[in-house]
Structure formats: C-alpha cells, structure tokens
Amino acid sequence: MVYYEKLVRDAVDKGKQVVHYKVTPLYEGNRVVPTGFRMQARGVKAGGAPGIRFGDEVPNTM
C-alpha cells in the first residue's frame, strides 16, 4: 500500500494534481480482516490534462 500512497502524495505535492483517491477493503467469506485492498486513483493536472491513474488490488500482508 505504501507504494501507491507515495504515488498519490507525489502527484499532489510535486505534480500539483487534484486526485480522487479511493481504497476499498476486500474480504473472503466471513473473515473480519481484509484479504486485500482495491486501490484506485485518478488525477487531473492544471489545465485539465489527465494525471495519475491506477486501479490495482493489493494483498493484505500482515
């Protein structure tokens, strides 16, 4: 998760993008601890150009 969080932070801090960032926990069966997370981001640069974009599933490694 840290990798994706850093991508978003850099897009905002260094790239001056407006970013919509969403993280959704993924569960299997009756588990109360997520087995993974769906990480999504979509950014827009100044002037309306497309920016950062990803939609990946990341396993929960504890």
PDB file of N, CA and C in Angstrom:
ATOM      1  N   MET A   1       0.809  -1.190   0.000  1.00  0.00           N
ATOM      2  CA  MET A   1       0.000   0.000   0.000  1.00  0.00           C
ATOM      3  C   MET A   1       0.855   1.257   0.000  1.00  0.00           C
ATOM      4  N   VAL A   2       1.982   1.187   0.649  1.00  0.00           N
ATOM      5  CA  VAL A   2       2.833   2.373   0.776  1.00  0.00           C
ATOM      6  C   VAL A   2       3.256   2.892  -0.602  1.00  0.00           C
ATOM      7  N   TYR A   3       3.521   1.994  -1.516  1.00  0.00           N
ATOM      8  CA  TYR A   3       3.923   2.391  -2.869  1.00  0.00           C
ATOM      9  C   TYR A   3       2.860   3.284  -3.514  1.00  0.00           C
ATOM     10  N   TYR A   4       1.601   2.857  -3.433  1.00  0.00           N
ATOM     11  CA  TYR A   4       0.508   3.610  -4.048  1.00  0.00           C
ATOM     12  C   TYR A   4       0.252   4.921  -3.314  1.00  0.00           C
ATOM     13  N   GLU A   5       0.361   4.883  -1.999  1.00  0.00           N
ATOM     14  CA  GLU A   5       0.183   6.108  -1.218  1.00  0.00           C
ATOM     15  C   GLU A   5       1.238   7.148  -1.592  1.00  0.00           C
ATOM     16  N   LYS A   6       2.457   6.689  -1.831  1.00  0.00           N
ATOM     17  CA  LYS A   6       3.524   7.606  -2.235  1.00  0.00           C
ATOM     18  C   LYS A   6       3.255   8.169  -3.636  1.00  0.00           C
ATOM     19  N   LEU A   7       2.749   7.338  -4.546  1.00  0.00           N
ATOM     20  CA  LEU A   7       2.403   7.832  -5.881  1.00  0.00           C
ATOM     21  C   LEU A   7       1.388   8.970  -5.799  1.00  0.00           C
ATOM     22  N   VAL A   8       0.377   8.796  -4.962  1.00  0.00           N
ATOM     23  CA  VAL A   8      -0.657   9.820  -4.823  1.00  0.00           C
ATOM     24  C   VAL A   8      -0.075  11.076  -4.185  1.00  0.00           C
ATOM     25  N   ARG A   9       0.698  10.896  -3.145  1.00  0.00           N
ATOM     26  CA  ARG A   9       1.291  12.064  -2.477  1.00  0.00           C
ATOM     27  C   ARG A   9       2.177  12.858  -3.430  1.00  0.00           C
ATOM     28  N   ASP A  10       3.001  12.160  -4.199  1.00  0.00           N
ATOM     29  CA  ASP A  10       3.868  12.846  -5.162  1.00  0.00           C
ATOM     30  C   ASP A  10       3.055  13.570  -6.234  1.00  0.00           C
ATOM     31  N   ALA A  11       1.964  12.959  -6.677  1.00  0.00           N
ATOM     32  CA  ALA A  11       1.114  13.597  -7.686  1.00  0.00           C
ATOM     33  C   ALA A  11       0.528  14.902  -7.154  1.00  0.00           C
ATOM     34  N   VAL A  12       0.172  14.907  -5.881  1.00  0.00           N
ATOM     35  CA  VAL A  12      -0.410  16.104  -5.276  1.00  0.00           C
ATOM     36  C   VAL A  12       0.673  17.136  -4.961  1.00  0.00           C
ATOM     37  N   ASP A  13       1.740  16.695  -4.270  1.00  0.00           N
ATOM     38  CA  ASP A  13       2.782  17.624  -3.812  1.00  0.00           C
ATOM     39  C   ASP A  13       3.666  18.138  -4.944  1.00  0.00           C
ATOM     40  N   LYS A  14       4.149  17.222  -5.770  1.00  0.00           N
ATOM     41  CA  LYS A  14       5.107  17.598  -6.818  1.00  0.00           C
ATOM     42  C   LYS A  14       4.437  17.898  -8.151  1.00  0.00           C
ATOM     43  N   GLY A  15       3.379  17.160  -8.441  1.00  0.00           N
ATOM     44  CA  GLY A  15       2.713  17.325  -9.731  1.00  0.00           C
ATOM     45  C   GLY A  15       1.578  18.322  -9.707  1.00  0.00           C
ATOM     46  N   LYS A  16       1.229  18.806  -8.501  1.00  0.00           N
ATOM     47  CA  LYS A  16       0.150  19.792  -8.341  1.00  0.00           C
ATOM     48  C   LYS A  16      -1.153  19.314  -8.973  1.00  0.00           C
ATOM     49  N   GLN A  17      -1.440  18.022  -8.812  1.00  0.00           N
ATOM     50  CA  GLN A  17      -2.648  17.439  -9.370  1.00  0.00           C
ATOM     51  C   GLN A  17      -3.768  17.425  -8.327  1.00  0.00           C
ATOM     52  N   VAL A  18      -4.979  17.443  -8.817  1.00  0.00           N
ATOM     53  CA  VAL A  18      -6.138  17.170  -7.982  1.00  0.00           C
ATOM     54  C   VAL A  18      -6.411  15.684  -8.165  1.00  0.00           C
ATOM     55  N   VAL A  19      -6.411  14.925  -7.060  1.00  0.00           N
ATOM     56  CA  VAL A  19      -6.503  13.467  -7.143  1.00  0.00           C
ATOM     57  C   VAL A  19      -7.712  12.962  -6.363  1.00  0.00           C
ATOM     58  N   HIS A  20      -8.511  12.133  -7.025  1.00  0.00           N
ATOM     59  CA  HIS A  20      -9.578  11.387  -6.356  1.00  0.00           C
ATOM     60  C   HIS A  20      -8.975  10.029  -6.024  1.00  0.00           C
ATOM     61  N   TYR A  21      -8.900   9.714  -4.723  1.00  0.00           N
ATOM     62  CA  TYR A  21      -8.212   8.515  -4.242  1.00  0.00           C
ATOM     63  C   TYR A  21      -9.198   7.690  -3.432  1.00  0.00           C
ATOM     64  N   LYS A  22      -9.259   6.386  -3.722  1.00  0.00           N
ATOM     65  CA  LYS A  22     -10.222   5.521  -3.059  1.00  0.00           C
ATOM     66  C   LYS A  22      -9.571   4.183  -2.730  1.00  0.00           C
ATOM     67  N   VAL A  23      -9.796   3.711  -1.503  1.00  0.00           N
ATOM     68  CA  VAL A  23      -9.305   2.400  -1.073  1.00  0.00           C
ATOM     69  C   VAL A  23     -10.490   1.622  -0.526  1.00  0.00           C
ATOM     70  N   THR A  24     -10.707   0.425  -1.082  1.00  0.00           N
ATOM     71  CA  THR A  24     -11.820  -0.422  -0.670  1.00  0.00           C
ATOM     72  C   THR A  24     -11.270  -1.738  -0.132  1.00  0.00           C
ATOM     73  N   PRO A  25     -11.610  -2.109   1.113  1.00  0.00           N
ATOM     74  CA  PRO A  25     -11.150  -3.404   1.629  1.00  0.00           C
ATOM     75  C   PRO A  25     -11.851  -4.556   0.917  1.00  0.00           C
ATOM     76  N   LEU A  26     -11.131  -5.651   0.727  1.00  0.00           N
ATOM     77  CA  LEU A  26     -11.665  -6.857   0.082  1.00  0.00           C
ATOM     78  C   LEU A  26     -11.689  -7.995   1.107  1.00  0.00           C
ATOM     79  N   TYR A  27     -12.816  -8.671   1.196  1.00  0.00           N
ATOM     80  CA  TYR A  27     -12.984  -9.749   2.171  1.00  0.00           C
ATOM     81  C   TYR A  27     -13.287 -11.057   1.462  1.00  0.00           C
ATOM     82  N   GLU A  28     -12.950 -12.167   2.118  1.00  0.00           N
ATOM     83  CA  GLU A  28     -13.297 -13.504   1.628  1.00  0.00           C
ATOM     84  C   GLU A  28     -14.096 -14.209   2.713  1.00  0.00           C
ATOM     85  N   GLY A  29     -15.256 -14.713   2.350  1.00  0.00           N
ATOM     86  CA  GLY A  29     -16.085 -15.440   3.310  1.00  0.00           C
ATOM     87  C   GLY A  29     -16.483 -14.582   4.493  1.00  0.00           C
ATOM     88  N   ASN A  30     -16.396 -15.170   5.684  1.00  0.00           N
ATOM     89  CA  ASN A  30     -16.800 -14.485   6.912  1.00  0.00           C
ATOM     90  C   ASN A  30     -15.636 -13.817   7.635  1.00  0.00           C
ATOM     91  N   ARG A  31     -14.527 -13.695   6.965  1.00  0.00           N
ATOM     92  CA  ARG A  31     -13.353 -13.080   7.612  1.00  0.00           C
ATOM     93  C   ARG A  31     -13.648 -11.631   7.983  1.00  0.00           C
ATOM     94  N   VAL A  32     -13.114 -11.227   9.135  1.00  0.00           N
ATOM     95  CA  VAL A  32     -13.293  -9.840   9.567  1.00  0.00           C
ATOM     96  C   VAL A  32     -12.073  -8.985   9.218  1.00  0.00           C
ATOM     97  N   VAL A  33     -10.984  -9.650   8.848  1.00  0.00           N
ATOM     98  CA  VAL A  33      -9.775  -8.944   8.425  1.00  0.00           C
ATOM     99  C   VAL A  33      -9.714  -8.981   6.897  1.00  0.00           C
ATOM    100  N   PRO A  34      -9.523  -7.838   6.258  1.00  0.00           N
ATOM    101  CA  PRO A  34      -9.475  -7.829   4.788  1.00  0.00           C
ATOM    102  C   PRO A  34      -8.332  -8.701   4.250  1.00  0.00           C
ATOM    103  N   THR A  35      -8.603  -9.383   3.148  1.00  0.00           N
ATOM    104  CA  THR A  35      -7.559 -10.173   2.497  1.00  0.00           C
ATOM    105  C   THR A  35      -6.747  -9.314   1.525  1.00  0.00           C
ATOM    106  N   GLY A  36      -7.282  -8.153   1.199  1.00  0.00           N
ATOM    107  CA  GLY A  36      -6.595  -7.247   0.292  1.00  0.00           C
ATOM    108  C   GLY A  36      -7.329  -5.930   0.202  1.00  0.00           C
ATOM    109  N   PHE A  37      -6.837  -5.064  -0.664  1.00  0.00           N
ATOM    110  CA  PHE A  37      -7.427  -3.746  -0.842  1.00  0.00           C
ATOM    111  C   PHE A  37      -7.432  -3.387  -2.317  1.00  0.00           C
ATOM    112  N   ARG A  38      -8.496  -2.767  -2.756  1.00  0.00           N
ATOM    113  CA  ARG A  38      -8.580  -2.228  -4.122  1.00  0.00           C
ATOM    114  C   ARG A  38      -8.182  -0.763  -4.022  1.00  0.00           C
ATOM    115  N   MET A  39      -7.059  -0.424  -4.645  1.00  0.00           N
ATOM    116  CA  MET A  39      -6.514   0.934  -4.596  1.00  0.00           C
ATOM    117  C   MET A  39      -6.799   1.607  -5.936  1.00  0.00           C
ATOM    118  N   GLN A  40      -7.463   2.758  -5.897  1.00  0.00           N
ATOM    119  CA  GLN A  40      -7.823   3.468  -7.122  1.00  0.00           C
ATOM    120  C   GLN A  40      -7.472   4.944  -6.989  1.00  0.00           C
ATOM    121  N   ALA A  41      -6.953   5.516  -8.056  1.00  0.00           N
ATOM    122  CA  ALA A  41      -6.682   6.958  -8.088  1.00  0.00           C
ATOM    123  C   ALA A  41      -6.831   7.455  -9.509  1.00  0.00           C
ATOM    124  N   ARG A  42      -7.331   8.679  -9.594  1.00  0.00           N
ATOM    125  CA  ARG A  42      -7.445   9.358 -10.884  1.00  0.00           C
ATOM    126  C   ARG A  42      -7.142  10.827 -10.635  1.00  0.00           C
ATOM    127  N   GLY A  43      -6.145  11.334 -11.340  1.00  0.00           N
ATOM    128  CA  GLY A  43      -5.736  12.714 -11.144  1.00  0.00           C
ATOM    129  C   GLY A  43      -5.935  13.572 -12.380  1.00  0.00           C
ATOM    130  N   VAL A  44      -5.989  14.880 -12.128  1.00  0.00           N
ATOM    131  CA  VAL A  44      -6.114  15.864 -13.207  1.00  0.00           C
ATOM    132  C   VAL A  44      -5.077  16.947 -12.955  1.00  0.00           C
ATOM    133  N   LYS A  45      -4.294  17.239 -13.994  1.00  0.00           N
ATOM    134  CA  LYS A  45      -3.283  18.287 -13.905  1.00  0.00           C
ATOM    135  C   LYS A  45      -3.918  19.645 -14.189  1.00  0.00           C
ATOM    136  N   ALA A  46      -3.159  20.686 -13.890  1.00  0.00           N
ATOM    137  CA  ALA A  46      -3.625  22.042 -14.194  1.00  0.00           C
ATOM    138  C   ALA A  46      -3.928  22.131 -15.687  1.00  0.00           C
ATOM    139  N   GLY A  47      -4.998  22.775 -16.035  1.00  0.00           N
ATOM    140  CA  GLY A  47      -5.387  22.892 -17.436  1.00  0.00           C
ATOM    141  C   GLY A  47      -6.258  21.746 -17.908  1.00  0.00           C
ATOM    142  N   GLY A  48      -6.495  20.750 -17.038  1.00  0.00           N
ATOM    143  CA  GLY A  48      -7.396  19.654 -17.382  1.00  0.00           C
ATOM    144  C   GLY A  48      -6.760  18.424 -17.991  1.00  0.00           C
ATOM    145  N   ALA A  49      -5.439  18.417 -18.146  1.00  0.00           N
ATOM    146  CA  ALA A  49      -4.763  17.235 -18.705  1.00  0.00           C
ATOM    147  C   ALA A  49      -4.867  16.063 -17.729  1.00  0.00           C
ATOM    148  N   PRO A  50      -4.968  14.824 -18.248  1.00  0.00           N
ATOM    149  CA  PRO A  50      -5.015  13.655 -17.369  1.00  0.00           C
ATOM    150  C   PRO A  50      -3.719  13.518 -16.568  1.00  0.00           C
ATOM    151  N   GLY A  51      -3.867  13.038 -15.355  1.00  0.00           N
ATOM    152  CA  GLY A  51      -2.702  12.834 -14.494  1.00  0.00           C
ATOM    153  C   GLY A  51      -2.567  11.383 -14.090  1.00  0.00           C
ATOM    154  N   ILE A  52      -2.244  11.183 -12.822  1.00  0.00           N
ATOM    155  CA  ILE A  52      -2.048   9.843 -12.284  1.00  0.00           C
ATOM    156  C   ILE A  52      -3.315   9.017 -12.468  1.00  0.00           C
ATOM    157  N   ARG A  53      -3.136   7.724 -12.720  1.00  0.00           N
ATOM    158  CA  ARG A  53      -4.283   6.834 -12.852  1.00  0.00           C
ATOM    159  C   ARG A  53      -3.825   5.405 -12.566  1.00  0.00           C
ATOM    160  N   PHE A  54      -4.509   4.768 -11.627  1.00  0.00           N
ATOM    161  CA  PHE A  54      -4.286   3.346 -11.386  1.00  0.00           C
ATOM    162  C   PHE A  54      -5.514   2.751 -10.734  1.00  0.00           C
ATOM    163  N   GLY A  55      -5.629   1.437 -10.819  1.00  0.00           N
ATOM    164  CA  GLY A  55      -6.700   0.654 -10.193  1.00  0.00           C
ATOM    165  C   GLY A  55      -6.182  -0.752 -10.006  1.00  0.00           C
ATOM    166  N   ASP A  56      -5.595  -1.003  -8.847  1.00  0.00           N
ATOM    167  CA  ASP A  56      -4.951  -2.294  -8.600  1.00  0.00           C
ATOM    168  C   ASP A  56      -5.431  -2.909  -7.300  1.00  0.00           C
ATOM    169  N   GLU A  57      -5.328  -4.228  -7.209  1.00  0.00           N
ATOM    170  CA  GLU A  57      -5.608  -4.923  -5.966  1.00  0.00           C
ATOM    171  C   GLU A  57      -4.291  -5.264  -5.288  1.00  0.00           C
ATOM    172  N   VAL A  58      -4.243  -4.968  -3.982  1.00  0.00           N
ATOM    173  CA  VAL A  58      -3.028  -5.168  -3.203  1.00  0.00           C
ATOM    174  C   VAL A  58      -3.356  -6.153  -2.071  1.00  0.00           C
ATOM    175  N   PRO A  59      -2.596  -7.246  -1.942  1.00  0.00           N
ATOM    176  CA  PRO A  59      -2.870  -8.198  -0.874  1.00  0.00           C
ATOM    177  C   PRO A  59      -2.542  -7.594   0.496  1.00  0.00           C
ATOM    178  N   ASN A  60      -3.281  -8.035   1.508  1.00  0.00           N
ATOM    179  CA  ASN A  60      -3.017  -7.603   2.867  1.00  0.00           C
ATOM    180  C   ASN A  60      -1.966  -8.546   3.453  1.00  0.00           C
ATOM    181  N   THR A  61      -0.772  -8.053   3.599  1.00  0.00           N
ATOM    182  CA  THR A  61       0.327  -8.857   4.147  1.00  0.00           C
ATOM    183  C   THR A  61       0.619  -8.385   5.546  1.00  0.00           C
ATOM    184  N   MET A  62       0.198  -9.186   6.496  1.00  0.00           N
ATOM    185  CA  MET A  62       0.404  -8.817   7.897  1.00  0.00           C
ATOM    186  C   MET A  62       1.424  -9.735   8.529  1.00  0.00           C
TER     187      MET A  62
END
